[in-house]
N, C-alpha and C. Protein backbone atom coordinates (compact mmCIF):
# COMPACT_ATOMS: atom_id res chain seq x y z
N MET A 1 -9.01 -41.76 -15.79
CA MET A 1 -8.31 -42.59 -14.85
C MET A 1 -7.64 -41.94 -14.15
N LEU A 2 -7.62 -41.71 -12.69
CA LEU A 2 -6.96 -40.99 -12.15
C LEU A 2 -5.78 -41.57 -11.73
N ASP A 3 -4.54 -40.73 -11.89
CA ASP A 3 -3.33 -40.58 -12.08
C ASP A 3 -2.41 -39.82 -10.96
N VAL A 4 -1.66 -40.68 -9.74
CA VAL A 4 -1.27 -39.63 -8.73
C VAL A 4 0.45 -39.50 -9.58
N VAL A 5 0.70 -38.44 -9.02
CA VAL A 5 1.55 -37.51 -9.60
C VAL A 5 2.72 -37.47 -8.39
N THR A 6 2.05 -37.17 -7.28
CA THR A 6 3.08 -37.11 -6.00
C THR A 6 2.71 -37.95 -5.09
N LYS A 7 3.56 -38.22 -4.76
CA LYS A 7 3.25 -39.75 -3.31
C LYS A 7 3.43 -39.22 -2.21
N ARG A 8 4.49 -38.00 -1.74
CA ARG A 8 4.82 -37.37 -0.63
C ARG A 8 4.67 -35.97 -0.71
N VAL A 9 4.15 -35.46 0.74
CA VAL A 9 4.19 -34.12 0.82
C VAL A 9 5.16 -34.06 1.78
N GLU A 10 5.78 -32.62 2.25
CA GLU A 10 6.98 -32.31 3.32
C GLU A 10 6.05 -31.34 3.87
N ILE A 11 5.56 -32.00 5.09
CA ILE A 11 5.20 -30.84 5.77
C ILE A 11 6.04 -30.47 7.70
N GLU A 12 5.76 -29.62 8.05
CA GLU A 12 6.04 -28.84 9.38
C GLU A 12 5.42 -28.87 10.37
N CYS A 13 5.31 -29.90 11.52
CA CYS A 13 4.19 -29.56 12.64
C CYS A 13 4.99 -30.63 13.63
N ILE A 14 4.24 -30.25 14.56
CA ILE A 14 4.88 -31.51 16.16
C ILE A 14 4.10 -32.50 15.98
N PRO A 15 5.50 -33.49 16.09
CA PRO A 15 4.77 -35.26 16.40
C PRO A 15 3.68 -35.02 16.14
N ASP A 16 2.69 -34.87 17.27
CA ASP A 16 1.24 -34.95 17.38
C ASP A 16 0.80 -35.00 16.28
N ASP A 17 0.65 -33.56 15.47
CA ASP A 17 -0.07 -33.41 14.59
C ASP A 17 0.15 -34.08 13.15
N ILE A 18 0.85 -35.05 13.38
CA ILE A 18 1.59 -35.61 12.06
C ILE A 18 0.17 -36.60 11.52
N PRO A 19 -0.02 -36.05 9.83
CA PRO A 19 -1.30 -36.70 9.50
C PRO A 19 -0.68 -37.89 8.86
N ASP A 20 -1.44 -39.16 9.02
CA ASP A 20 -1.29 -40.35 8.66
C ASP A 20 -1.46 -40.39 7.00
N GLN A 21 -2.61 -39.66 6.48
CA GLN A 21 -3.27 -39.28 5.17
C GLN A 21 -3.74 -37.93 4.68
N PHE A 22 -3.91 -37.47 3.73
CA PHE A 22 -4.92 -37.01 3.35
C PHE A 22 -5.92 -37.36 2.63
N ASP A 23 -7.25 -37.12 3.50
CA ASP A 23 -8.54 -37.31 2.24
C ASP A 23 -9.01 -36.51 1.54
N VAL A 24 -8.95 -36.59 0.03
CA VAL A 24 -9.40 -36.23 -0.86
C VAL A 24 -10.97 -36.46 -1.35
N ASP A 25 -11.99 -35.99 -1.52
CA ASP A 25 -12.53 -36.44 -2.71
C ASP A 25 -12.48 -36.27 -4.00
N VAL A 26 -12.52 -37.39 -4.85
CA VAL A 26 -12.02 -37.07 -6.19
C VAL A 26 -13.08 -37.30 -7.18
N THR A 27 -14.02 -37.18 -6.54
CA THR A 27 -15.63 -37.60 -7.19
C THR A 27 -16.23 -36.44 -8.21
N GLU A 28 -15.94 -35.75 -7.94
CA GLU A 28 -16.38 -34.49 -9.14
C GLU A 28 -15.14 -34.49 -9.88
N LEU A 29 -13.61 -34.93 -10.20
CA LEU A 29 -13.05 -34.48 -11.24
C LEU A 29 -13.12 -34.93 -12.56
N MET A 30 -12.74 -34.07 -13.88
CA MET A 30 -12.92 -34.75 -14.88
C MET A 30 -11.90 -34.57 -15.91
N ILE A 31 -11.68 -35.23 -16.94
CA ILE A 31 -10.29 -35.22 -17.29
C ILE A 31 -10.24 -33.59 -17.67
N GLY A 32 -8.70 -33.66 -17.43
CA GLY A 32 -7.72 -32.40 -17.81
C GLY A 32 -7.69 -31.72 -15.88
N THR A 33 -8.34 -32.09 -14.87
CA THR A 33 -8.36 -31.30 -14.08
C THR A 33 -7.72 -32.20 -13.03
N ASN A 34 -7.43 -31.30 -11.71
CA ASN A 34 -6.33 -32.19 -11.03
C ASN A 34 -6.53 -31.48 -9.46
N ILE A 35 -5.89 -32.22 -7.93
CA ILE A 35 -5.51 -32.23 -7.18
C ILE A 35 -4.25 -31.52 -7.08
N ARG A 36 -4.19 -29.95 -6.59
CA ARG A 36 -2.65 -29.64 -5.99
C ARG A 36 -2.25 -29.63 -4.50
N VAL A 37 -1.36 -29.61 -4.20
CA VAL A 37 -0.78 -28.89 -2.96
C VAL A 37 -1.59 -28.24 -1.90
N SER A 38 -1.98 -27.41 -2.29
CA SER A 38 -2.80 -26.46 -1.77
C SER A 38 -4.30 -26.62 -1.71
N ASP A 39 -4.78 -27.79 -1.90
CA ASP A 39 -6.17 -28.02 -2.34
C ASP A 39 -5.92 -29.07 -1.08
N LEU A 40 -5.07 -28.98 -0.78
CA LEU A 40 -5.04 -30.43 0.86
C LEU A 40 -6.15 -30.01 1.89
N PRO A 41 -6.90 -30.80 2.26
CA PRO A 41 -7.41 -30.42 3.81
C PRO A 41 -6.27 -30.66 4.96
N LEU A 42 -5.71 -29.34 5.46
CA LEU A 42 -4.85 -29.34 6.54
C LEU A 42 -5.11 -29.47 8.40
N LYS A 43 -5.12 -29.81 9.16
CA LYS A 43 -5.32 -29.18 9.92
C LYS A 43 -4.62 -28.38 11.09
N SER A 44 -5.03 -27.42 11.84
CA SER A 44 -4.52 -26.44 12.56
C SER A 44 -3.02 -26.75 12.83
N GLY A 45 -1.88 -26.01 12.66
CA GLY A 45 -0.83 -26.28 13.25
C GLY A 45 0.22 -27.10 12.45
N VAL A 46 -0.14 -27.83 10.94
CA VAL A 46 0.38 -27.94 10.01
C VAL A 46 0.28 -27.47 9.16
N ARG A 47 1.87 -27.32 8.92
CA ARG A 47 2.36 -26.40 7.43
C ARG A 47 2.95 -27.08 6.58
N VAL A 48 2.61 -26.81 5.33
CA VAL A 48 2.83 -27.65 3.82
C VAL A 48 4.38 -26.70 3.58
N LEU A 49 5.66 -27.78 3.39
CA LEU A 49 6.75 -27.00 2.84
C LEU A 49 6.70 -27.29 1.21
N THR A 50 6.12 -28.19 0.78
CA THR A 50 6.33 -28.48 -0.52
C THR A 50 5.13 -27.44 -1.71
N ALA A 51 5.95 -27.10 -2.54
CA ALA A 51 5.59 -25.99 -3.63
C ALA A 51 3.43 -26.19 -3.62
N PRO A 52 3.17 -25.43 -3.24
CA PRO A 52 1.15 -25.12 -3.20
C PRO A 52 0.79 -25.64 -4.64
N GLU A 53 1.53 -25.34 -5.68
CA GLU A 53 1.38 -25.38 -7.13
C GLU A 53 1.61 -27.07 -7.91
N ALA A 54 2.37 -27.77 -6.78
CA ALA A 54 3.03 -28.73 -6.98
C ALA A 54 1.10 -29.71 -7.46
N VAL A 55 1.17 -30.49 -7.90
CA VAL A 55 -0.06 -31.66 -8.54
C VAL A 55 0.58 -32.87 -7.70
N ILE A 56 -0.43 -33.55 -7.01
CA ILE A 56 -1.11 -34.72 -6.31
C ILE A 56 -1.14 -35.42 -7.63
N ALA A 57 -2.59 -35.17 -7.63
CA ALA A 57 -2.97 -36.22 -8.84
C ALA A 57 -3.95 -35.56 -10.13
N HIS A 58 -4.23 -36.28 -11.09
CA HIS A 58 -4.64 -35.29 -12.08
C HIS A 58 -5.42 -36.76 -12.78
N VAL A 59 -6.83 -36.24 -13.61
CA VAL A 59 -7.75 -37.48 -14.01
C VAL A 59 -6.88 -37.25 -15.39
N VAL A 60 -7.00 -38.33 -16.65
CA VAL A 60 -6.53 -38.99 -17.83
C VAL A 60 -7.41 -39.37 -18.61
N GLY A 61 -7.60 -39.51 -19.89
CA GLY A 61 -8.19 -40.40 -20.61
C GLY A 61 -7.22 -41.41 -20.56
N ILE A 62 -7.76 -42.90 -20.98
CA ILE A 62 -7.05 -44.27 -21.01
C ILE A 62 -6.56 -43.81 -22.62
N ARG A 63 -5.78 -44.24 -22.96
CA ARG A 63 -5.32 -44.63 -24.25
C ARG A 63 -5.57 -45.89 -24.39
N GLU A 64 -6.26 -46.63 -25.98
CA GLU A 64 -6.37 -48.04 -25.88
C GLU A 64 -5.13 -48.24 -26.54
N GLU A 65 -5.05 -49.65 -26.19
CA GLU A 65 -3.75 -50.37 -26.86
C GLU A 65 -4.41 -51.06 -27.88
N ALA A 66 -5.42 -51.47 -28.18
CA ALA A 66 -5.76 -51.90 -29.35
C ALA A 66 -5.69 -51.41 -30.51
N VAL A 67 -5.93 -49.87 -30.64
CA VAL A 67 -5.37 -49.06 -31.43
C VAL A 67 -3.57 -49.22 -31.91
N ALA A 68 -3.23 -49.47 -30.50
CA ALA A 68 -1.35 -49.27 -30.59
C ALA A 68 -1.26 -50.32 -31.75
N GLU A 69 -1.92 -51.48 -31.19
CA GLU A 69 -1.54 -52.94 -31.95
C GLU A 69 -1.96 -53.14 -33.25
N ALA A 70 -2.94 -52.46 -34.12
CA ALA A 70 -3.30 -52.22 -34.89
C ALA A 70 -2.08 -51.54 -36.10
N ALA A 71 -1.89 -50.92 -35.63
CA ALA A 71 -0.88 -50.03 -36.13
C ALA A 71 0.33 -51.11 -37.34
N PRO A 72 0.80 -51.72 -36.51
CA PRO A 72 1.74 -52.57 -36.75
C PRO A 72 1.45 -53.92 -37.94
N ALA A 73 -0.08 -54.20 -37.46
CA ALA A 73 -0.41 -55.71 -38.34
C ALA A 73 -0.89 -54.65 -39.51
N ALA A 74 -1.04 -53.36 -39.92
CA ALA A 74 -1.58 -52.81 -41.00
C ALA A 74 -0.61 -52.67 -41.76
N ALA A 75 1.18 -52.51 -41.05
CA ALA A 75 2.06 -52.21 -41.81
C ALA A 75 2.58 -53.42 -42.51
N GLU A 76 2.57 -54.62 -42.01
CA GLU A 76 2.63 -56.42 -42.25
C GLU A 76 2.39 -56.42 -43.63
N PRO A 77 1.47 -55.80 -44.23
CA PRO A 77 1.35 -56.26 -45.69
C PRO A 77 1.72 -56.04 -46.90
N GLU A 78 1.68 -54.47 -46.41
CA GLU A 78 2.61 -53.57 -46.82
C GLU A 78 4.37 -53.83 -47.42
N VAL A 79 4.89 -54.65 -46.13
CA VAL A 79 6.26 -55.22 -46.37
C VAL A 79 5.77 -56.29 -47.10
N ALA A 80 5.20 -57.30 -47.15
CA ALA A 80 4.81 -58.65 -47.71
C ALA A 80 4.49 -58.24 -49.24
N LYS A 81 3.90 -56.84 -49.89
CA LYS A 81 3.93 -56.56 -51.19
C LYS A 81 5.04 -55.81 -51.65
N LYS A 82 5.78 -55.18 -50.71
CA LYS A 82 6.84 -54.89 -51.12
C LYS A 82 8.27 -56.08 -51.44
N GLY A 83 7.80 -57.05 -50.89
CA GLY A 83 8.87 -58.20 -50.88
C GLY A 83 8.55 -58.90 -52.72
N LYS A 84 7.02 -58.67 -52.64
CA LYS A 84 6.70 -59.44 -53.52
C LYS A 84 6.99 -59.02 -55.11
N LYS A 85 7.08 -57.42 -55.05
CA LYS A 85 7.63 -56.77 -56.15
C LYS A 85 9.22 -57.02 -56.59
N GLU A 86 9.51 -57.07 -55.30
CA GLU A 86 11.12 -57.51 -55.19
C GLU A 86 11.50 -58.23 -56.35
N GLU A 87 10.57 -59.98 -55.75
CA GLU A 87 10.72 -60.71 -56.49
C GLU A 87 9.99 -61.15 -58.13
N ALA A 88 9.61 -60.30 -57.90
CA ALA A 88 9.08 -59.89 -59.35
C ALA A 88 9.76 -59.95 -60.57
N GLY A 89 10.89 -58.57 -59.79
CA GLY A 89 11.67 -58.28 -60.81
C GLY A 89 13.25 -58.76 -61.08
N ALA A 90 13.31 -60.10 -60.01
CA ALA A 90 14.48 -61.30 -60.26
C ALA A 90 14.39 -61.93 -60.91
N THR A 91 16.05 -62.35 -61.28
CA THR A 91 15.78 -63.41 -62.27
C THR A 91 14.97 -64.43 -62.22
N PRO A 92 14.41 -65.51 -63.52
CA PRO A 92 13.66 -66.14 -63.23
C PRO A 92 14.62 -67.39 -62.58
N ALA A 93 15.63 -67.52 -63.08
CA ALA A 93 15.92 -68.60 -61.68
C ALA A 93 16.29 -68.45 -60.86
N ALA A 94 16.74 -66.83 -60.00
CA ALA A 94 16.60 -66.78 -58.88
C ALA A 94 14.75 -66.81 -58.01
N ALA A 95 14.23 -66.58 -58.50
CA ALA A 95 12.59 -66.46 -58.60
C ALA A 95 11.99 -67.68 -58.17
N ALA A 96 12.51 -69.00 -59.00
CA ALA A 96 11.82 -70.21 -59.26
C ALA A 96 11.82 -71.06 -57.61
N PRO A 97 12.94 -70.87 -56.78
CA PRO A 97 13.04 -71.65 -55.81
C PRO A 97 12.00 -71.17 -54.39
N ALA A 98 11.91 -69.54 -54.84
CA ALA A 98 10.93 -68.98 -53.74
C ALA A 98 9.36 -69.28 -54.20
N GLU A 99 9.37 -69.30 -55.52
CA GLU A 99 7.84 -69.83 -55.48
C GLU A 99 8.00 -71.27 -55.79
N LYS A 100 8.65 -71.86 -54.89
CA LYS A 100 8.59 -72.92 -55.19
C LYS A 100 8.23 -73.56 -53.40
N GLY A 101 8.53 -72.79 -52.51
CA GLY A 101 8.14 -72.71 -51.50
C GLY A 101 7.13 -72.39 -50.82
N LYS A 102 6.90 -71.16 -51.62
CA LYS A 102 4.89 -70.61 -51.63
C LYS A 102 4.04 -71.98 -51.78
N LYS A 103 4.20 -73.25 -52.49
CA LYS A 103 3.52 -73.68 -52.69
C LYS A 103 2.99 -74.97 -51.70
N LYS A 104 4.44 -74.89 -51.29
CA LYS A 104 3.93 -75.67 -50.27
C LYS A 104 3.41 -75.82 -49.17
């Protein structure tokens, strides 16, 4: 996924030379690679004031949300098991109402 880090670049030029946009080919970028300010194509008479090492965009891997959602679901059965151990250690009178509720 292409992640745009910097959306604005400060430049210095005469008003007629102000670019509307910078066109950069990102088709060859791989995960972990980036486009820096120094990589921007500039017309003559345009000087960039933003630091040349500033990252404009970089390619990152997509994190799967399904993996993150599965982790809490796996923790729920452990909590349920822990609750059952506590009920087993309780006195029979205290455990009886809880067991009655489970049968319904």
